[in-house]
Amino acid sequence: MKKWFGVIGDPISHSLSPFMHDQWFRENHLDATYLPIRVSTERLGTAVESLRLLGASGWNVTIPHKTSIIPFLDGLDPMASKMGAVNTVVRNEKDELIGYNTDGLGFVRSLEEEIGLNEKQSSILVIGAGGAARGIVHALSESGYEHITIANRTIEKASLLIDEIGRGEALSLQEAEIRLSQFHIIIQTTSAGMKTDQAKLPLSMERMRSDCIAADIVYNPLETPFLKIASEKGGRTISGIGMFVHQGAIAFNYWTGIEPDTLSMKQKVTEHLGGKYVNR
């Protein structure tokens, strides 16, 4: 019997998840398909019950439902529970809907694929303290990165996140600008990555060190204003393609037990977006 999966969100037409997962199904000779499903906020509960009733084997969750879907699920894995957010739902053998969050681990795998596994002592600055930052910070901490600083417009929100992981420091954006040269890795997690105006960046990159590694979680555009400035200053840049592919691969493994080919998928997604993939 053909299995089916999907992604729910609003809006949803921009999502490249169907492109990615359907290719992985074909590559692994699985009789399955993946659908984009637009679900408005007020119909989320009805949508979850409909997905259950219609036999969906699992689905991804994107904005704005990552937190609000939790009451409609039967359980959470420990990481999703810590983060208070879900981006993957698995229907288990007991017919229960269990929520997972693969965003943070997907980012860490992408980062380590680019920089290797020997940078755990690097000084890291995370810009932003929203849902995406929460997943990344928790995953960095659990993966053994010890020197984590969070800069946010509201420093209280950054402080709460630091308290959650039990290590690191919270800064205002102004303080982070002054101390920018101290950081070996800078991770941009705010919605500024989707804008084209460099003036809209959360902080000035003037003091960025030339050997810095700059990562943005946004994958479209491939070169965000943040990455463009970092590149111009001599830094090494990492787009959001890797995080997108690796978080999807973890979800795919939860659903099928198969680890898909992430390297070729990074190339395919990059080329689909009009870029040229460079394997470092």
Protein backbone atom coordinates (compact mmCIF):
# COMPACT_ATOMS: atom_id res chain seq x y z
CA MET A 1 0.00 0.00 0.00
CA LYS A 2 1.37 3.39 -0.99
CA LYS A 3 2.41 5.52 1.97
CA TRP A 4 2.10 9.26 2.03
CA PHE A 5 3.72 12.07 3.98
CA GLY A 6 3.54 15.84 3.82
CA VAL A 7 4.36 19.23 5.24
CA ILE A 8 1.82 21.56 6.84
CA GLY A 9 2.17 25.30 7.20
CA ASP A 10 0.84 28.65 6.08
CA PRO A 11 2.13 29.71 3.60
CA ILE A 12 3.40 26.47 2.10
CA SER A 13 3.78 26.96 -1.67
CA HIS A 14 7.44 28.05 -1.28
CA SER A 15 8.51 24.83 0.48
CA LEU A 16 11.14 22.67 -1.23
CA SER A 17 10.43 19.72 1.07
CA PRO A 18 8.24 17.94 -1.52
CA PHE A 19 11.05 18.30 -4.10
CA MET A 20 13.54 16.80 -1.65
CA HIS A 21 11.53 13.95 -0.12
CA ASP A 22 9.98 12.75 -3.38
CA GLN A 23 13.48 12.43 -4.86
CA TRP A 24 14.61 10.45 -1.83
CA PHE A 25 11.59 8.14 -2.16
CA ARG A 26 12.51 7.48 -5.80
CA GLU A 27 16.21 6.99 -5.03
CA ASN A 28 15.38 4.42 -2.34
CA HIS A 29 12.65 2.68 -4.38
CA LEU A 30 9.92 3.45 -1.87
CA ASP A 31 6.26 3.49 -2.89
CA ALA A 32 5.47 6.79 -1.19
CA THR A 33 4.71 10.41 -1.93
CA TYR A 34 4.97 13.75 -0.12
CA LEU A 35 2.41 16.55 -0.30
CA PRO A 36 2.44 20.25 0.64
CA ILE A 37 -0.69 21.06 2.67
CA ARG A 38 -1.71 24.60 3.52
CA VAL A 39 -3.26 24.68 6.98
CA SER A 40 -4.51 27.90 8.56
CA THR A 41 -4.05 28.48 12.28
CA GLU A 42 -7.71 28.13 13.15
CA ARG A 43 -7.97 24.76 11.39
CA LEU A 44 -4.84 23.14 12.81
CA GLY A 45 -6.64 20.74 15.17
CA THR A 46 -9.02 19.64 12.44
CA ALA A 47 -6.10 19.17 10.05
CA VAL A 48 -4.20 16.92 12.47
CA GLU A 49 -7.24 14.71 12.99
CA SER A 50 -7.81 14.61 9.23
CA LEU A 51 -4.20 13.56 8.62
CA ARG A 52 -4.63 10.82 11.21
CA LEU A 53 -7.95 9.67 9.72
CA LEU A 54 -6.64 9.68 6.14
CA GLY A 55 -3.65 7.53 7.07
CA ALA A 56 -0.69 9.88 6.78
CA SER A 57 2.43 8.05 7.99
CA GLY A 58 4.04 11.28 9.14
CA TRP A 59 4.56 14.88 8.22
CA ASN A 60 6.72 17.94 8.68
CA VAL A 61 5.54 21.10 10.41
CA THR A 62 6.59 24.60 9.47
CA ILE A 63 5.62 28.18 10.33
CA PRO A 64 3.34 29.02 12.12
CA HIS A 65 2.45 25.63 13.66
CA LYS A 66 5.68 24.35 15.28
CA THR A 67 4.51 25.19 18.81
CA SER A 68 0.73 25.23 18.45
CA ILE A 69 0.60 21.65 17.12
CA ILE A 70 1.86 20.17 20.41
CA PRO A 71 -1.55 19.86 22.18
CA PHE A 72 -2.88 17.83 19.23
CA LEU A 73 -0.15 15.16 19.43
CA ASP A 74 0.05 12.03 21.59
CA GLY A 75 3.61 12.64 22.80
CA LEU A 76 6.95 14.37 22.29
CA ASP A 77 10.52 13.16 22.07
CA PRO A 78 12.85 14.66 24.72
CA MET A 79 14.43 17.27 22.42
CA ALA A 80 11.09 18.54 21.12
CA SER A 81 9.87 18.71 24.71
CA LYS A 82 12.91 20.78 25.76
CA MET A 83 12.49 23.13 22.84
CA GLY A 84 8.72 23.41 23.01
CA ALA A 85 8.57 23.07 19.23
CA VAL A 86 7.93 20.31 16.69
CA ASN A 87 8.93 20.14 13.03
CA THR A 88 8.40 16.40 12.42
CA VAL A 89 5.51 14.10 13.31
CA VAL A 90 5.93 10.31 13.29
CA ARG A 91 3.03 7.86 13.38
CA ASN A 92 4.37 4.93 15.39
CA GLU A 93 3.40 1.26 15.54
CA LYS A 94 0.86 2.03 18.29
CA ASP A 95 -0.86 4.51 15.94
CA GLU A 96 0.33 7.38 18.13
CA LEU A 97 1.43 10.75 16.72
CA ILE A 98 4.80 11.64 18.25
CA GLY A 99 6.44 15.03 17.74
CA TYR A 100 10.17 15.46 17.08
CA ASN A 101 12.39 18.43 16.33
CA THR A 102 15.16 17.86 13.79
CA ASP A 103 16.05 21.52 13.12
CA GLY A 104 18.82 21.93 15.68
CA LEU A 105 20.56 18.63 15.01
CA GLY A 106 20.19 19.27 11.28
CA PHE A 107 22.06 22.54 11.69
CA VAL A 108 24.84 20.98 13.78
CA ARG A 109 25.33 18.20 11.21
CA SER A 110 25.52 20.80 8.47
CA LEU A 111 28.01 22.89 10.43
CA GLU A 112 30.26 19.94 11.25
CA GLU A 113 30.12 18.74 7.67
CA GLU A 114 31.66 22.08 6.70
CA ILE A 115 34.10 22.72 9.56
CA GLY A 116 34.86 19.22 10.86
CA LEU A 117 34.50 17.87 14.39
CA ASN A 118 37.46 19.64 16.01
CA GLU A 119 35.91 23.06 16.61
CA LYS A 120 34.00 22.34 19.84
CA GLN A 121 36.06 24.94 21.71
CA SER A 122 35.29 27.69 19.22
CA SER A 123 33.60 30.82 20.50
CA ILE A 124 30.12 30.91 18.96
CA LEU A 125 27.72 33.84 18.62
CA VAL A 126 24.09 33.06 17.86
CA ILE A 127 22.13 36.06 16.61
CA GLY A 128 18.50 35.78 17.65
CA ALA A 129 16.63 33.89 20.38
CA GLY A 130 13.49 32.74 18.58
CA GLY A 131 12.29 29.25 17.74
CA ALA A 132 15.07 28.49 15.26
CA ALA A 133 17.73 29.72 17.67
CA ARG A 134 16.29 27.57 20.47
CA GLY A 135 16.75 24.39 18.47
CA ILE A 136 20.24 25.31 17.35
CA VAL A 137 21.43 26.38 20.80
CA HIS A 138 20.10 23.23 22.48
CA ALA A 139 21.67 21.03 19.79
CA LEU A 140 25.02 22.84 19.99
CA SER A 141 25.05 22.45 23.75
CA GLU A 142 24.13 18.75 23.64
CA SER A 143 26.78 18.19 20.95
CA GLY A 144 29.51 19.49 23.25
CA TYR A 145 29.99 23.10 22.15
CA GLU A 146 30.80 24.98 25.35
CA HIS A 147 31.34 28.63 24.42
CA ILE A 148 27.93 29.84 23.28
CA THR A 149 26.83 33.46 23.36
CA ILE A 150 23.36 34.62 22.33
CA ALA A 151 22.66 38.18 21.16
CA ASN A 152 19.07 39.33 20.83
CA ARG A 153 17.08 42.54 20.57
CA THR A 154 15.41 41.58 23.86
CA ILE A 155 18.25 40.46 26.10
CA GLU A 156 15.83 38.88 28.59
CA LYS A 157 14.81 36.33 25.97
CA ALA A 158 18.45 35.49 25.28
CA SER A 159 19.09 35.14 29.03
CA LEU A 160 16.23 32.67 29.41
CA LEU A 161 17.69 30.51 26.65
CA ILE A 162 21.14 30.62 28.25
CA ASP A 163 19.55 29.55 31.55
CA GLU A 164 17.92 26.60 29.78
CA ILE A 165 21.21 25.18 28.50
CA GLY A 166 23.12 26.08 31.68
CA ARG A 167 26.12 27.64 29.96
CA GLY A 168 27.12 30.67 27.93
CA GLU A 169 26.33 34.38 27.97
CA ALA A 170 23.52 36.65 26.82
CA LEU A 171 24.30 39.99 25.15
CA SER A 172 22.40 42.88 23.70
CA LEU A 173 22.89 43.41 19.96
CA GLN A 174 24.92 46.53 20.75
CA GLU A 175 27.27 44.61 23.05
CA ALA A 176 27.66 41.88 20.44
CA GLU A 177 28.67 44.44 17.81
CA ILE A 178 31.44 45.75 20.06
CA ARG A 179 32.73 42.26 20.85
CA LEU A 180 32.24 40.73 17.39
CA SER A 181 35.95 40.07 16.81
CA GLN A 182 35.94 37.60 19.73
CA PHE A 183 33.78 35.07 17.90
CA HIS A 184 35.05 32.34 15.58
CA ILE A 185 31.59 31.25 14.43
CA ILE A 186 28.56 33.54 13.95
CA ILE A 187 25.13 32.02 13.31
CA GLN A 188 22.34 34.25 11.98
CA THR A 189 18.90 32.86 12.91
CA THR A 190 16.57 35.85 12.50
CA SER A 191 14.15 36.63 9.67
CA ALA A 192 16.65 39.24 8.41
CA GLY A 193 18.16 36.41 6.38
CA MET A 194 15.14 36.50 4.08
CA LYS A 195 15.46 40.21 3.36
CA THR A 196 17.60 41.76 0.62
CA ASP A 197 18.47 45.00 2.41
CA GLN A 198 21.80 44.84 4.25
CA ALA A 199 20.70 47.77 6.39
CA LYS A 200 18.07 45.49 7.97
CA LEU A 201 20.65 43.15 9.53
CA PRO A 202 20.33 42.82 13.34
CA LEU A 203 23.86 44.16 13.92
CA SER A 204 26.81 45.67 12.10
CA MET A 205 29.43 43.21 10.85
CA GLU A 206 32.18 45.84 10.86
CA ARG A 207 34.22 44.14 13.60
CA MET A 208 33.92 40.60 12.24
CA ARG A 209 37.26 38.78 12.16
CA SER A 210 38.51 37.81 8.70
CA ASP A 211 38.84 34.12 9.61
CA CYS A 212 35.28 33.91 10.95
CA ILE A 213 32.82 31.23 9.86
CA ALA A 214 29.43 32.82 9.15
CA ALA A 215 26.29 30.65 8.87
CA ASP A 216 22.74 31.64 7.99
CA ILE A 217 19.77 29.30 8.44
CA VAL A 218 17.98 30.78 5.41
CA TYR A 219 18.46 28.82 2.16
CA ASN A 220 16.57 31.08 -0.25
CA PRO A 221 18.24 33.37 -1.26
CA LEU A 222 21.39 31.24 -1.35
CA GLU A 223 23.52 34.26 -0.43
CA THR A 224 21.73 36.33 2.17
CA PRO A 225 22.83 39.90 2.97
CA PHE A 226 24.52 38.54 6.10
CA LEU A 227 26.52 35.99 4.13
CA LYS A 228 27.37 38.54 1.44
CA ILE A 229 28.91 40.93 3.97
CA ALA A 230 30.77 38.09 5.70
CA SER A 231 32.18 36.92 2.37
CA GLU A 232 33.29 40.44 1.44
CA LYS A 233 35.19 40.63 4.72
CA GLY A 234 37.03 37.39 3.96
CA GLY A 235 34.96 35.06 6.14
CA ARG A 236 33.92 31.54 5.25
CA THR A 237 30.17 31.28 4.69
CA ILE A 238 27.64 28.47 5.14
CA SER A 239 24.17 28.83 3.64
CA GLY A 240 20.99 27.30 5.04
CA ILE A 241 20.96 24.54 2.40
CA GLY A 242 22.85 22.13 4.64
CA MET A 243 20.51 22.62 7.59
CA PHE A 244 17.47 22.22 5.34
CA VAL A 245 18.75 18.97 3.84
CA HIS A 246 20.02 17.45 7.09
CA GLN A 247 16.89 18.23 9.12
CA GLY A 248 14.91 16.61 6.31
CA ALA A 249 17.20 13.60 6.25
CA ILE A 250 16.71 13.00 9.97
CA ALA A 251 12.93 13.15 9.51
CA PHE A 252 13.19 10.78 6.51
CA ASN A 253 15.13 8.33 8.69
CA TYR A 254 12.50 8.51 11.43
CA TRP A 255 9.81 7.65 8.88
CA THR A 256 11.59 4.99 6.84
CA GLY A 257 14.65 3.76 8.77
CA ILE A 258 16.78 4.81 5.79
CA GLU A 259 19.55 7.40 5.82
CA PRO A 260 19.24 9.24 2.49
CA ASP A 261 22.04 10.73 0.39
CA THR A 262 22.47 14.25 1.76
CA LEU A 263 25.48 15.23 -0.32
CA SER A 264 23.80 14.80 -3.68
CA MET A 265 20.63 16.42 -2.32
CA LYS A 266 22.54 19.54 -1.28
CA GLN A 267 23.75 19.78 -4.85
CA LYS A 268 20.27 19.24 -6.30
CA VAL A 269 18.61 21.81 -4.05
CA THR A 270 21.34 24.37 -4.73
CA GLU A 271 21.00 23.91 -8.49
CA HIS A 272 17.19 23.97 -8.22
CA LEU A 273 17.54 27.43 -6.66
CA GLY A 274 19.80 28.56 -9.48
CA GLY A 275 23.13 28.23 -7.69
CA LYS A 276 26.27 26.22 -8.27
CA TYR A 277 27.19 23.71 -5.59
CA VAL A 278 30.80 23.61 -4.44
CA ASN A 279 31.76 20.49 -2.46
CA ARG A 280 34.35 21.52 0.13
